[in-house]
Structures are given as C-alpha cells and as structure tokens.
Amino acid sequence: METTLSDHERVARLNALQALLDLMRPSVQADGGDLVLVRADVEAGVVEVQLQGACSSCAISSSTLQGGVTRILTDRLPWITEVIGGVQETDDVEASAALGTGGYVPRYRDL
C-alpha cells in the first residue's frame, strides 16, 4: 500500500535509511565487504541493498542479509515493508575471498 508523502517526509526517510546503513557498514567492511544501497522506494517501503567485496563469496551472506540487515532495517524503520538483498556477482570468487576472512571463521587460541 503506497502512501503519498511530502518531499520533506521522503527526504527524512531516505536520510534515516542512509544513516542506518552507514552504522552497519563498518561491521561488513571489517571483513573485506561492503553494504550499499541500490534503490529505495520510501513511499512503498521497498529497499534494495547489495553486499559487495568479500561478501560475494561468503558462505553466510544470505544469513547476513536476512538475519542482520533485513531485521535491523525493519525493526528500526517501521515504514520499510520489504528488503531485497543480493550479492555482487561480477566479482571473481577467489578475488573477493581474498578481500577478507569473514567474521564466521572460528579463531582458536593455543592452550
């Protein structure tokens, strides 16, 4: 269900969305990836994001999109009704994997 928003409301929603994505990006960037906004229909509540870099080859990228990005966006911005997510598929798998180790890699200490 689309609503009619004023220009001020559209700008406010877009700014809030971008600010929230900017808060999330450092955690993704720490693993050699990135999170970018592809498009946003702030009236319909549909947002499209893309994981890039090391996230293109990450085994848990779909979990990151569903359990992390989608949950955070819909919890904090109630006007968002749908989050479409994907990974940048133009990157070479070996090259993207070399960008970061991924947060899911277990780290063991010598005892």
PDB file of N, CA and C in Angstrom:
ATOM      1  N   MET A   1       0.835  -1.179   0.000  1.00  0.00           N
ATOM      2  CA  MET A   1       0.000   0.000   0.000  1.00  0.00           C
ATOM      3  C   MET A   1       0.884   1.248   0.000  1.00  0.00           C
ATOM      4  N   GLU A   2       0.821   2.009  -1.069  1.00  0.00           N
ATOM      5  CA  GLU A   2       1.613   3.217  -1.163  1.00  0.00           C
ATOM      6  C   GLU A   2       0.872   4.374  -0.524  1.00  0.00           C
ATOM      7  N   THR A   3       1.634   5.245   0.091  1.00  0.00           N
ATOM      8  CA  THR A   3       1.081   6.459   0.666  1.00  0.00           C
ATOM      9  C   THR A   3       1.697   7.631  -0.063  1.00  0.00           C
ATOM     10  N   THR A   4       1.069   8.769   0.068  1.00  0.00           N
ATOM     11  CA  THR A   4       1.611   9.967  -0.538  1.00  0.00           C
ATOM     12  C   THR A   4       2.330  10.746   0.544  1.00  0.00           C
ATOM     13  N   LEU A   5       3.618  10.933   0.342  1.00  0.00           N
ATOM     14  CA  LEU A   5       4.450  11.638   1.309  1.00  0.00           C
ATOM     15  C   LEU A   5       4.844  12.998   0.766  1.00  0.00           C
ATOM     16  N   SER A   6       5.082  13.919   1.666  1.00  0.00           N
ATOM     17  CA  SER A   6       5.600  15.219   1.242  1.00  0.00           C
ATOM     18  C   SER A   6       7.078  15.044   0.897  1.00  0.00           C
ATOM     19  N   ASP A   7       7.627  16.026   0.204  1.00  0.00           N
ATOM     20  CA  ASP A   7       9.054  15.976  -0.132  1.00  0.00           C
ATOM     21  C   ASP A   7       9.889  15.887   1.137  1.00  0.00           C
ATOM     22  N   HIS A   8       9.497  16.611   2.157  1.00  0.00           N
ATOM     23  CA  HIS A   8      10.216  16.608   3.434  1.00  0.00           C
ATOM     24  C   HIS A   8      10.204  15.210   4.052  1.00  0.00           C
ATOM     25  N   GLU A   9       9.067  14.531   4.028  1.00  0.00           N
ATOM     26  CA  GLU A   9       8.975  13.173   4.580  1.00  0.00           C
ATOM     27  C   GLU A   9       9.819  12.185   3.778  1.00  0.00           C
ATOM     28  N   ARG A  10       9.818  12.312   2.455  1.00  0.00           N
ATOM     29  CA  ARG A  10      10.637  11.433   1.616  1.00  0.00           C
ATOM     30  C   ARG A  10      12.122  11.607   1.927  1.00  0.00           C
ATOM     31  N   VAL A  11      12.549  12.850   2.030  1.00  0.00           N
ATOM     32  CA  VAL A  11      13.950  13.143   2.340  1.00  0.00           C
ATOM     33  C   VAL A  11      14.305  12.625   3.734  1.00  0.00           C
ATOM     34  N   ALA A  12      13.412  12.817   4.692  1.00  0.00           N
ATOM     35  CA  ALA A  12      13.669  12.353   6.060  1.00  0.00           C
ATOM     36  C   ALA A  12      13.814  10.835   6.096  1.00  0.00           C
ATOM     37  N   ARG A  13      12.961  10.119   5.375  1.00  0.00           N
ATOM     38  CA  ARG A  13      13.049   8.658   5.342  1.00  0.00           C
ATOM     39  C   ARG A  13      14.337   8.196   4.672  1.00  0.00           C
ATOM     40  N   LEU A  14      14.677   8.813   3.563  1.00  0.00           N
ATOM     41  CA  LEU A  14      15.898   8.440   2.854  1.00  0.00           C
ATOM     42  C   LEU A  14      17.137   8.731   3.702  1.00  0.00           C
ATOM     43  N   ASN A  15      17.146   9.872   4.389  1.00  0.00           N
ATOM     44  CA  ASN A  15      18.275  10.210   5.261  1.00  0.00           C
ATOM     45  C   ASN A  15      18.396   9.234   6.424  1.00  0.00           C
ATOM     46  N   ALA A  16      17.269   8.840   7.018  1.00  0.00           N
ATOM     47  CA  ALA A  16      17.279   7.885   8.128  1.00  0.00           C
ATOM     48  C   ALA A  16      17.790   6.526   7.643  1.00  0.00           C
ATOM     49  N   LEU A  17      17.375   6.115   6.458  1.00  0.00           N
ATOM     50  CA  LEU A  17      17.827   4.850   5.884  1.00  0.00           C
ATOM     51  C   LEU A  17      19.326   4.879   5.639  1.00  0.00           C
ATOM     52  N   GLN A  18      19.814   5.948   5.027  1.00  0.00           N
ATOM     53  CA  GLN A  18      21.237   6.042   4.731  1.00  0.00           C
ATOM     54  C   GLN A  18      22.059   6.085   6.012  1.00  0.00           C
ATOM     55  N   ALA A  19      21.572   6.787   7.029  1.00  0.00           N
ATOM     56  CA  ALA A  19      22.287   6.864   8.310  1.00  0.00           C
ATOM     57  C   ALA A  19      22.371   5.487   8.963  1.00  0.00           C
ATOM     58  N   LEU A  20      21.293   4.716   8.898  1.00  0.00           N
ATOM     59  CA  LEU A  20      21.290   3.376   9.480  1.00  0.00           C
ATOM     60  C   LEU A  20      22.233   2.450   8.716  1.00  0.00           C
ATOM     61  N   LEU A  21      22.232   2.525   7.393  1.00  0.00           N
ATOM     62  CA  LEU A  21      23.161   1.722   6.598  1.00  0.00           C
ATOM     63  C   LEU A  21      24.608   2.111   6.908  1.00  0.00           C
ATOM     64  N   ASP A  22      24.863   3.394   7.098  1.00  0.00           N
ATOM     65  CA  ASP A  22      26.207   3.851   7.432  1.00  0.00           C
ATOM     66  C   ASP A  22      26.659   3.317   8.793  1.00  0.00           C
ATOM     67  N   LEU A  23      25.724   3.097   9.707  1.00  0.00           N
ATOM     68  CA  LEU A  23      26.062   2.493  11.002  1.00  0.00           C
ATOM     69  C   LEU A  23      26.419   1.019  10.861  1.00  0.00           C
ATOM     70  N   MET A  24      25.777   0.333   9.915  1.00  0.00           N
ATOM     71  CA  MET A  24      26.010  -1.098   9.725  1.00  0.00           C
ATOM     72  C   MET A  24      27.250  -1.391   8.880  1.00  0.00           C
ATOM     73  N   ARG A  25      27.608  -0.495   7.994  1.00  0.00           N
ATOM     74  CA  ARG A  25      28.687  -0.747   7.031  1.00  0.00           C
ATOM     75  C   ARG A  25      30.032  -1.100   7.657  1.00  0.00           C
ATOM     76  N   PRO A  26      30.460  -0.455   8.746  1.00  0.00           N
ATOM     77  CA  PRO A  26      31.784  -0.800   9.295  1.00  0.00           C
ATOM     78  C   PRO A  26      31.929  -2.273   9.675  1.00  0.00           C
ATOM     79  N   SER A  27      30.868  -2.907  10.176  1.00  0.00           N
ATOM     80  CA  SER A  27      30.997  -4.332  10.517  1.00  0.00           C
ATOM     81  C   SER A  27      31.188  -5.177   9.277  1.00  0.00           C
ATOM     82  N   VAL A  28      30.544  -4.829   8.196  1.00  0.00           N
ATOM     83  CA  VAL A  28      30.709  -5.576   6.951  1.00  0.00           C
ATOM     84  C   VAL A  28      32.078  -5.263   6.346  1.00  0.00           C
ATOM     85  N   GLN A  29      32.490  -4.010   6.414  1.00  0.00           N
ATOM     86  CA  GLN A  29      33.780  -3.602   5.865  1.00  0.00           C
ATOM     87  C   GLN A  29      34.945  -4.232   6.632  1.00  0.00           C
ATOM     88  N   ALA A  30      34.754  -4.502   7.914  1.00  0.00           N
ATOM     89  CA  ALA A  30      35.809  -5.120   8.716  1.00  0.00           C
ATOM     90  C   ALA A  30      36.187  -6.500   8.197  1.00  0.00           C
ATOM     91  N   ASP A  31      35.267  -7.135   7.465  1.00  0.00           N
ATOM     92  CA  ASP A  31      35.521  -8.454   6.896  1.00  0.00           C
ATOM     93  C   ASP A  31      35.827  -8.386   5.402  1.00  0.00           C
ATOM     94  N   GLY A  32      36.129  -7.183   4.901  1.00  0.00           N
ATOM     95  CA  GLY A  32      36.517  -7.045   3.497  1.00  0.00           C
ATOM     96  C   GLY A  32      35.355  -6.869   2.544  1.00  0.00           C
ATOM     97  N   GLY A  33      34.163  -6.644   3.066  1.00  0.00           N
ATOM     98  CA  GLY A  33      32.994  -6.464   2.210  1.00  0.00           C
ATOM     99  C   GLY A  33      32.470  -5.051   2.283  1.00  0.00           C
ATOM    100  N   ASP A  34      31.290  -4.867   1.774  1.00  0.00           N
ATOM    101  CA  ASP A  34      30.618  -3.578   1.875  1.00  0.00           C
ATOM    102  C   ASP A  34      29.123  -3.794   1.711  1.00  0.00           C
ATOM    103  N   LEU A  35      28.361  -2.845   2.186  1.00  0.00           N
ATOM    104  CA  LEU A  35      26.910  -2.861   2.093  1.00  0.00           C
ATOM    105  C   LEU A  35      26.493  -1.561   1.433  1.00  0.00           C
ATOM    106  N   VAL A  36      25.832  -1.657   0.287  1.00  0.00           N
ATOM    107  CA  VAL A  36      25.438  -0.456  -0.437  1.00  0.00           C
ATOM    108  C   VAL A  36      23.939  -0.457  -0.710  1.00  0.00           C
ATOM    109  N   LEU A  37      23.404   0.738  -0.766  1.00  0.00           N
ATOM    110  CA  LEU A  37      22.002   0.924  -1.113  1.00  0.00           C
ATOM    111  C   LEU A  37      21.894   0.981  -2.623  1.00  0.00           C
ATOM    112  N   VAL A  38      21.096   0.082  -3.196  1.00  0.00           N
ATOM    113  CA  VAL A  38      20.898   0.046  -4.646  1.00  0.00           C
ATOM    114  C   VAL A  38      19.749   0.967  -5.030  1.00  0.00           C
ATOM    115  N   ARG A  39      18.635   0.836  -4.307  1.00  0.00           N
ATOM    116  CA  ARG A  39      17.484   1.716  -4.558  1.00  0.00           C
ATOM    117  C   ARG A  39      16.570   1.684  -3.348  1.00  0.00           C
ATOM    118  N   ALA A  40      15.753   2.725  -3.226  1.00  0.00           N
ATOM    119  CA  ALA A  40      14.796   2.791  -2.125  1.00  0.00           C
ATOM    120  C   ALA A  40      13.538   3.495  -2.604  1.00  0.00           C
ATOM    121  N   ASP A  41      12.407   2.823  -2.448  1.00  0.00           N
ATOM    122  CA  ASP A  41      11.109   3.437  -2.700  1.00  0.00           C
ATOM    123  C   ASP A  41      10.526   3.726  -1.322  1.00  0.00           C
ATOM    124  N   VAL A  42      10.770   4.942  -0.842  1.00  0.00           N
ATOM    125  CA  VAL A  42      10.386   5.276   0.530  1.00  0.00           C
ATOM    126  C   VAL A  42       8.875   5.371   0.717  1.00  0.00           C
ATOM    127  N   GLU A  43       8.129   5.519  -0.350  1.00  0.00           N
ATOM    128  CA  GLU A  43       6.671   5.547  -0.238  1.00  0.00           C
ATOM    129  C   GLU A  43       6.105   4.142  -0.124  1.00  0.00           C
ATOM    130  N   ALA A  44       6.616   3.214  -0.931  1.00  0.00           N
ATOM    131  CA  ALA A  44       6.127   1.828  -0.889  1.00  0.00           C
ATOM    132  C   ALA A  44       6.817   1.033   0.218  1.00  0.00           C
ATOM    133  N   GLY A  45       7.949   1.526   0.716  1.00  0.00           N
ATOM    134  CA  GLY A  45       8.665   0.830   1.775  1.00  0.00           C
ATOM    135  C   GLY A  45       9.580  -0.276   1.296  1.00  0.00           C
ATOM    136  N   VAL A  46       9.946  -0.242   0.020  1.00  0.00           N
ATOM    137  CA  VAL A  46      10.799  -1.282  -0.556  1.00  0.00           C
ATOM    138  C   VAL A  46      12.226  -0.747  -0.694  1.00  0.00           C
ATOM    139  N   VAL A  47      13.168  -1.508  -0.126  1.00  0.00           N
ATOM    140  CA  VAL A  47      14.577  -1.121  -0.142  1.00  0.00           C
ATOM    141  C   VAL A  47      15.376  -2.261  -0.760  1.00  0.00           C
ATOM    142  N   GLU A  48      16.319  -1.929  -1.638  1.00  0.00           N
ATOM    143  CA  GLU A  48      17.206  -2.939  -2.213  1.00  0.00           C
ATOM    144  C   GLU A  48      18.639  -2.617  -1.817  1.00  0.00           C
ATOM    145  N   VAL A  49      19.304  -3.611  -1.236  1.00  0.00           N
ATOM    146  CA  VAL A  49      20.703  -3.458  -0.826  1.00  0.00           C
ATOM    147  C   VAL A  49      21.539  -4.550  -1.475  1.00  0.00           C
ATOM    148  N   GLN A  50      22.856  -4.328  -1.491  1.00  0.00           N
ATOM    149  CA  GLN A  50      23.751  -5.320  -2.079  1.00  0.00           C
ATOM    150  C   GLN A  50      24.995  -5.453  -1.213  1.00  0.00           C
ATOM    151  N   LEU A  51      25.397  -6.699  -0.985  1.00  0.00           N
ATOM    152  CA  LEU A  51      26.658  -6.989  -0.321  1.00  0.00           C
ATOM    153  C   LEU A  51      27.726  -7.104  -1.396  1.00  0.00           C
ATOM    154  N   GLN A  52      28.879  -6.476  -1.160  1.00  0.00           N
ATOM    155  CA  GLN A  52      29.949  -6.470  -2.155  1.00  0.00           C
ATOM    156  C   GLN A  52      31.254  -6.939  -1.534  1.00  0.00           C
ATOM    157  N   GLY A  53      32.272  -7.054  -2.361  1.00  0.00           N
ATOM    158  CA  GLY A  53      33.605  -7.420  -1.908  1.00  0.00           C
ATOM    159  C   GLY A  53      33.648  -8.853  -1.423  1.00  0.00           C
ATOM    160  N   ALA A  54      34.283  -9.068  -0.268  1.00  0.00           N
ATOM    161  CA  ALA A  54      34.431 -10.421   0.274  1.00  0.00           C
ATOM    162  C   ALA A  54      33.077 -11.075   0.530  1.00  0.00           C
ATOM    163  N   CYS A  55      32.043 -10.277   0.697  1.00  0.00           N
ATOM    164  CA  CYS A  55      30.705 -10.830   0.941  1.00  0.00           C
ATOM    165  C   CYS A  55      30.186 -11.609  -0.269  1.00  0.00           C
ATOM    166  N   SER A  56      30.735 -11.333  -1.454  1.00  0.00           N
ATOM    167  CA  SER A  56      30.296 -12.031  -2.658  1.00  0.00           C
ATOM    168  C   SER A  56      30.585 -13.522  -2.595  1.00  0.00           C
ATOM    169  N   SER A  57      31.639 -13.895  -1.855  1.00  0.00           N
ATOM    170  CA  SER A  57      31.997 -15.309  -1.763  1.00  0.00           C
ATOM    171  C   SER A  57      31.742 -15.891  -0.377  1.00  0.00           C
ATOM    172  N   CYS A  58      31.133 -15.113   0.495  1.00  0.00           N
ATOM    173  CA  CYS A  58      30.927 -15.539   1.884  1.00  0.00           C
ATOM    174  C   CYS A  58      29.785 -16.554   1.978  1.00  0.00           C
ATOM    175  N   ALA A  59      30.038 -17.614   2.722  1.00  0.00           N
ATOM    176  CA  ALA A  59      29.042 -18.671   2.872  1.00  0.00           C
ATOM    177  C   ALA A  59      27.811 -18.213   3.643  1.00  0.00           C
ATOM    178  N   ILE A  60      27.931 -17.170   4.433  1.00  0.00           N
ATOM    179  CA  ILE A  60      26.784 -16.742   5.236  1.00  0.00           C
ATOM    180  C   ILE A  60      26.197 -15.410   4.764  1.00  0.00           C
ATOM    181  N   SER A  61      26.454 -15.029   3.523  1.00  0.00           N
ATOM    182  CA  SER A  61      25.939 -13.744   3.046  1.00  0.00           C
ATOM    183  C   SER A  61      24.414 -13.688   3.077  1.00  0.00           C
ATOM    184  N   SER A  62      23.732 -14.782   2.774  1.00  0.00           N
ATOM    185  CA  SER A  62      22.264 -14.760   2.832  1.00  0.00           C
ATOM    186  C   SER A  62      21.784 -14.608   4.266  1.00  0.00           C
ATOM    187  N   SER A  63      22.498 -15.202   5.223  1.00  0.00           N
ATOM    188  CA  SER A  63      22.147 -15.029   6.631  1.00  0.00           C
ATOM    189  C   SER A  63      22.387 -13.602   7.081  1.00  0.00           C
ATOM    190  N   THR A  64      23.455 -13.003   6.592  1.00  0.00           N
ATOM    191  CA  THR A  64      23.752 -11.606   6.914  1.00  0.00           C
ATOM    192  C   THR A  64      22.630 -10.710   6.411  1.00  0.00           C
ATOM    193  N   LEU A  65      22.165 -10.980   5.190  1.00  0.00           N
ATOM    194  CA  LEU A  65      21.096 -10.166   4.625  1.00  0.00           C
ATOM    195  C   LEU A  65      19.778 -10.369   5.377  1.00  0.00           C
ATOM    196  N   GLN A  66      19.413 -11.610   5.629  1.00  0.00           N
ATOM    197  CA  GLN A  66      18.123 -11.884   6.268  1.00  0.00           C
ATOM    198  C   GLN A  66      18.138 -11.636   7.768  1.00  0.00           C
ATOM    199  N   GLY A  67      19.106 -12.236   8.454  1.00  0.00           N
ATOM    200  CA  GLY A  67      19.129 -12.158   9.907  1.00  0.00           C
ATOM    201  C   GLY A  67      19.680 -10.855  10.433  1.00  0.00           C
ATOM    202  N   GLY A  68      20.485 -10.183   9.648  1.00  0.00           N
ATOM    203  CA  GLY A  68      21.096  -8.947  10.108  1.00  0.00           C
ATOM    204  C   GLY A  68      20.484  -7.724   9.470  1.00  0.00           C
ATOM    205  N   VAL A  69      20.779  -7.521   8.208  1.00  0.00           N
ATOM    206  CA  VAL A  69      20.383  -6.298   7.519  1.00  0.00           C
ATOM    207  C   VAL A  69      18.864  -6.121   7.498  1.00  0.00           C
ATOM    208  N   THR A  70      18.132  -7.128   7.054  1.00  0.00           N
ATOM    209  CA  THR A  70      16.674  -7.018   6.966  1.00  0.00           C
ATOM    210  C   THR A  70      16.051  -6.788   8.344  1.00  0.00           C
ATOM    211  N   ARG A  71      16.499  -7.560   9.326  1.00  0.00           N
ATOM    212  CA  ARG A  71      15.944  -7.428  10.683  1.00  0.00           C
ATOM    213  C   ARG A  71      16.189  -6.033  11.253  1.00  0.00           C
ATOM    214  N   ILE A  72      17.408  -5.537  11.109  1.00  0.00           N
ATOM    215  CA  ILE A  72      17.729  -4.219  11.650  1.00  0.00           C
ATOM    216  C   ILE A  72      16.938  -3.117  10.941  1.00  0.00           C
ATOM    217  N   LEU A  73      16.885  -3.189   9.618  1.00  0.00           N
ATOM    218  CA  LEU A  73      16.163  -2.156   8.868  1.00  0.00           C
ATOM    219  C   LEU A  73      14.678  -2.130   9.215  1.00  0.00           C
ATOM    220  N   THR A  74      14.048  -3.292   9.252  1.00  0.00           N
ATOM    221  CA  THR A  74      12.605  -3.320   9.524  1.00  0.00           C
ATOM    222  C   THR A  74      12.277  -3.022  10.986  1.00  0.00           C
ATOM    223  N   ASP A  75      13.194  -3.376  11.896  1.00  0.00           N
ATOM    224  CA  ASP A  75      12.965  -3.062  13.317  1.00  0.00           C
ATOM    225  C   ASP A  75      13.087  -1.569  13.595  1.00  0.00           C
ATOM    226  N   ARG A  76      14.048  -0.943  12.971  1.00  0.00           N
ATOM    227  CA  ARG A  76      14.336   0.459  13.293  1.00  0.00           C
ATOM    228  C   ARG A  76      13.632   1.465  12.407  1.00  0.00           C
ATOM    229  N   LEU A  77      13.208   1.017  11.232  1.00  0.00           N
ATOM    230  CA  LEU A  77      12.484   1.898  10.313  1.00  0.00           C
ATOM    231  C   LEU A  77      11.168   1.214   9.943  1.00  0.00           C
ATOM    232  N   PRO A  78      10.134   1.419  10.737  1.00  0.00           N
ATOM    233  CA  PRO A  78       8.878   0.684  10.560  1.00  0.00           C
ATOM    234  C   PRO A  78       8.179   0.895   9.215  1.00  0.00           C
ATOM    235  N   TRP A  79       8.560   1.919   8.485  1.00  0.00           N
ATOM    236  CA  TRP A  79       7.955   2.146   7.174  1.00  0.00           C
ATOM    237  C   TRP A  79       8.484   1.172   6.119  1.00  0.00           C
ATOM    238  N   ILE A  80       9.583   0.473   6.420  1.00  0.00           N
ATOM    239  CA  ILE A  80      10.135  -0.491   5.463  1.00  0.00           C
ATOM    240  C   ILE A  80       9.313  -1.773   5.513  1.00  0.00           C
ATOM    241  N   THR A  81       8.768  -2.150   4.369  1.00  0.00           N
ATOM    242  CA  THR A  81       7.921  -3.346   4.276  1.00  0.00           C
ATOM    243  C   THR A  81       8.632  -4.519   3.611  1.00  0.00           C
ATOM    244  N   GLU A  82       9.679  -4.220   2.826  1.00  0.00           N
ATOM    245  CA  GLU A  82      10.387  -5.286   2.116  1.00  0.00           C
ATOM    246  C   GLU A  82      11.828  -4.872   1.879  1.00  0.00           C
ATOM    247  N   VAL A  83      12.736  -5.816   2.130  1.00  0.00           N
ATOM    248  CA  VAL A  83      14.152  -5.593   1.845  1.00  0.00           C
ATOM    249  C   VAL A  83      14.567  -6.640   0.826  1.00  0.00           C
ATOM    250  N   ILE A  84      15.037  -6.166  -0.317  1.00  0.00           N
ATOM    251  CA  ILE A  84      15.544  -7.041  -1.369  1.00  0.00           C
ATOM    252  C   ILE A  84      17.060  -6.986  -1.260  1.00  0.00           C
ATOM    253  N   GLY A  85      17.662  -8.151  -1.154  1.00  0.00           N
ATOM    254  CA  GLY A  85      19.115  -8.166  -0.989  1.00  0.00           C
ATOM    255  C   GLY A  85      19.774  -9.117  -1.940  1.00  0.00           C
ATOM    256  N   GLY A  86      21.002  -8.823  -2.236  1.00  0.00           N
ATOM    257  CA  GLY A  86      21.771  -9.701  -3.103  1.00  0.00           C
ATOM    258  C   GLY A  86      23.248  -9.461  -2.895  1.00  0.00           C
ATOM    259  N   VAL A  87      24.035 -10.211  -3.618  1.00  0.00           N
ATOM    260  CA  VAL A  87      25.473 -10.039  -3.577  1.00  0.00           C
ATOM    261  C   VAL A  87      25.952  -9.620  -4.956  1.00  0.00           C
ATOM    262  N   GLN A  88      27.075  -8.927  -4.980  1.00  0.00           N
ATOM    263  CA  GLN A  88      27.656  -8.511  -6.245  1.00  0.00           C
ATOM    264  C   GLN A  88      28.248  -9.740  -6.904  1.00  0.00           C
ATOM    265  N   GLU A  89      27.650 -10.162  -8.001  1.00  0.00           N
ATOM    266  CA  GLU A  89      28.062 -11.404  -8.648  1.00  0.00           C
ATOM    267  C   GLU A  89      29.103 -11.203  -9.732  1.00  0.00           C
ATOM    268  N   THR A  90      29.516  -9.963  -9.976  1.00  0.00           N
ATOM    269  CA  THR A  90      30.502  -9.717 -11.026  1.00  0.00           C
ATOM    270  C   THR A  90      31.924  -9.944 -10.540  1.00  0.00           C
ATOM    271  N   ASP A  91      32.102 -10.047  -9.209  1.00  0.00           N
ATOM    272  CA  ASP A  91      33.445 -10.272  -8.671  1.00  0.00           C
ATOM    273  C   ASP A  91      33.869 -11.719  -8.850  1.00  0.00           C
ATOM    274  N   ASP A  92      35.134 -11.924  -9.129  1.00  0.00           N
ATOM    275  CA  ASP A  92      35.723 -13.249  -9.184  1.00  0.00           C
ATOM    276  C   ASP A  92      35.722 -13.825  -7.769  1.00  0.00           C
ATOM    277  N   VAL A  93      35.326 -15.078  -7.609  1.00  0.00           N
ATOM    278  CA  VAL A  93      35.198 -15.693  -6.289  1.00  0.00           C
ATOM    279  C   VAL A  93      36.510 -15.661  -5.526  1.00  0.00           C
ATOM    280  N   GLU A  94      37.621 -16.021  -6.169  1.00  0.00           N
ATOM    281  CA  GLU A  94      38.912 -16.026  -5.484  1.00  0.00           C
ATOM    282  C   GLU A  94      39.335 -14.618  -5.096  1.00  0.00           C
ATOM    283  N   ALA A  95      39.100 -13.657  -5.970  1.00  0.00           N
ATOM    284  CA  ALA A  95      39.478 -12.274  -5.671  1.00  0.00           C
ATOM    285  C   ALA A  95      38.649 -11.720  -4.526  1.00  0.00           C
ATOM    286  N   SER A  96      37.350 -12.010  -4.515  1.00  0.00           N
ATOM    287  CA  SER A  96      36.512 -11.488  -3.441  1.00  0.00           C
ATOM    288  C   SER A  96      36.843 -12.171  -2.122  1.00  0.00           C
ATOM    289  N   ALA A  97      37.175 -13.451  -2.147  1.00  0.00           N
ATOM    290  CA  ALA A  97      37.532 -14.158  -0.919  1.00  0.00           C
ATOM    291  C   ALA A  97      38.821 -13.611  -0.324  1.00  0.00           C
ATOM    292  N   ALA A  98      39.708 -13.127  -1.177  1.00  0.00           N
ATOM    293  CA  ALA A  98      40.983 -12.597  -0.704  1.00  0.00           C
ATOM    294  C   ALA A  98      40.836 -11.240  -0.012  1.00  0.00           C
ATOM    295  N   LEU A  99      39.685 -10.594  -0.168  1.00  0.00           N
ATOM    296  CA  LEU A  99      39.480  -9.279   0.433  1.00  0.00           C
ATOM    297  C   LEU A  99      39.299  -9.334   1.941  1.00  0.00           C
ATOM    298  N   GLY A 100      38.859 -10.449   2.466  1.00  0.00           N
ATOM    299  CA  GLY A 100      38.641 -10.546   3.901  1.00  0.00           C
ATOM    300  C   GLY A 100      38.447 -11.979   4.317  1.00  0.00           C
ATOM    301  N   THR A 101      38.608 -12.228   5.592  1.00  0.00           N
ATOM    302  CA  THR A 101      38.486 -13.597   6.086  1.00  0.00           C
ATOM    303  C   THR A 101      37.055 -13.935   6.466  1.00  0.00           C
ATOM    304  N   GLY A 102      36.231 -12.946   6.711  1.00  0.00           N
ATOM    305  CA  GLY A 102      34.853 -13.208   7.114  1.00  0.00           C
ATOM    306  C   GLY A 102      34.749 -13.395   8.607  1.00  0.00           C
ATOM    307  N   GLY A 103      33.701 -12.841   9.194  1.00  0.00           N
ATOM    308  CA  GLY A 103      33.516 -12.915  10.635  1.00  0.00           C
ATOM    309  C   GLY A 103      33.138 -14.291  11.126  1.00  0.00           C
ATOM    310  N   TYR A 104      32.764 -15.187  10.249  1.00  0.00           N
ATOM    311  CA  TYR A 104      32.322 -16.519  10.640  1.00  0.00           C
ATOM    312  C   TYR A 104      33.478 -17.500  10.823  1.00  0.00           C
ATOM    313  N   VAL A 105      34.690 -17.097  10.494  1.00  0.00           N
ATOM    314  CA  VAL A 105      35.833 -18.000  10.610  1.00  0.00           C
ATOM    315  C   VAL A 105      36.185 -18.150  12.081  1.00  0.00           C
ATOM    316  N   PRO A 106      36.167 -19.376  12.626  1.00  0.00           N
ATOM    317  CA  PRO A 106      36.492 -19.540  14.044  1.00  0.00           C
ATOM    318  C   PRO A 106      37.964 -19.259  14.299  1.00  0.00           C
ATOM    319  N   ARG A 107      38.225 -18.664  15.424  1.00  0.00           N
ATOM    320  CA  ARG A 107      39.598 -18.350  15.811  1.00  0.00           C
ATOM    321  C   ARG A 107      39.914 -19.144  17.075  1.00  0.00           C
ATOM    322  N   TYR A 108      41.004 -19.868  17.042  1.00  0.00           N
ATOM    323  CA  TYR A 108      41.388 -20.706  18.171  1.00  0.00           C
ATOM    324  C   TYR A 108      42.640 -20.156  18.818  1.00  0.00           C
ATOM    325  N   ARG A 109      42.682 -20.250  20.127  1.00  0.00           N
ATOM    326  CA  ARG A 109      43.885 -19.846  20.863  1.00  0.00           C
ATOM    327  C   ARG A 109      44.681 -21.095  21.192  1.00  0.00           C
ATOM    328  N   ASP A 110      45.973 -20.923  21.198  1.00  0.00           N
ATOM    329  CA  ASP A 110      46.828 -22.028  21.644  1.00  0.00           C
ATOM    330  C   ASP A 110      46.719 -22.135  23.153  1.00  0.00           C
ATOM    331  N   LEU A 111      46.474 -23.332  23.653  1.00  0.00           N
ATOM    332  CA  LEU A 111      46.371 -23.520  25.113  1.00  0.00           C
ATOM    333  C   LEU A 111      47.641 -24.103  25.672  1.00  0.00           C
TER     334      LEU A 111
END
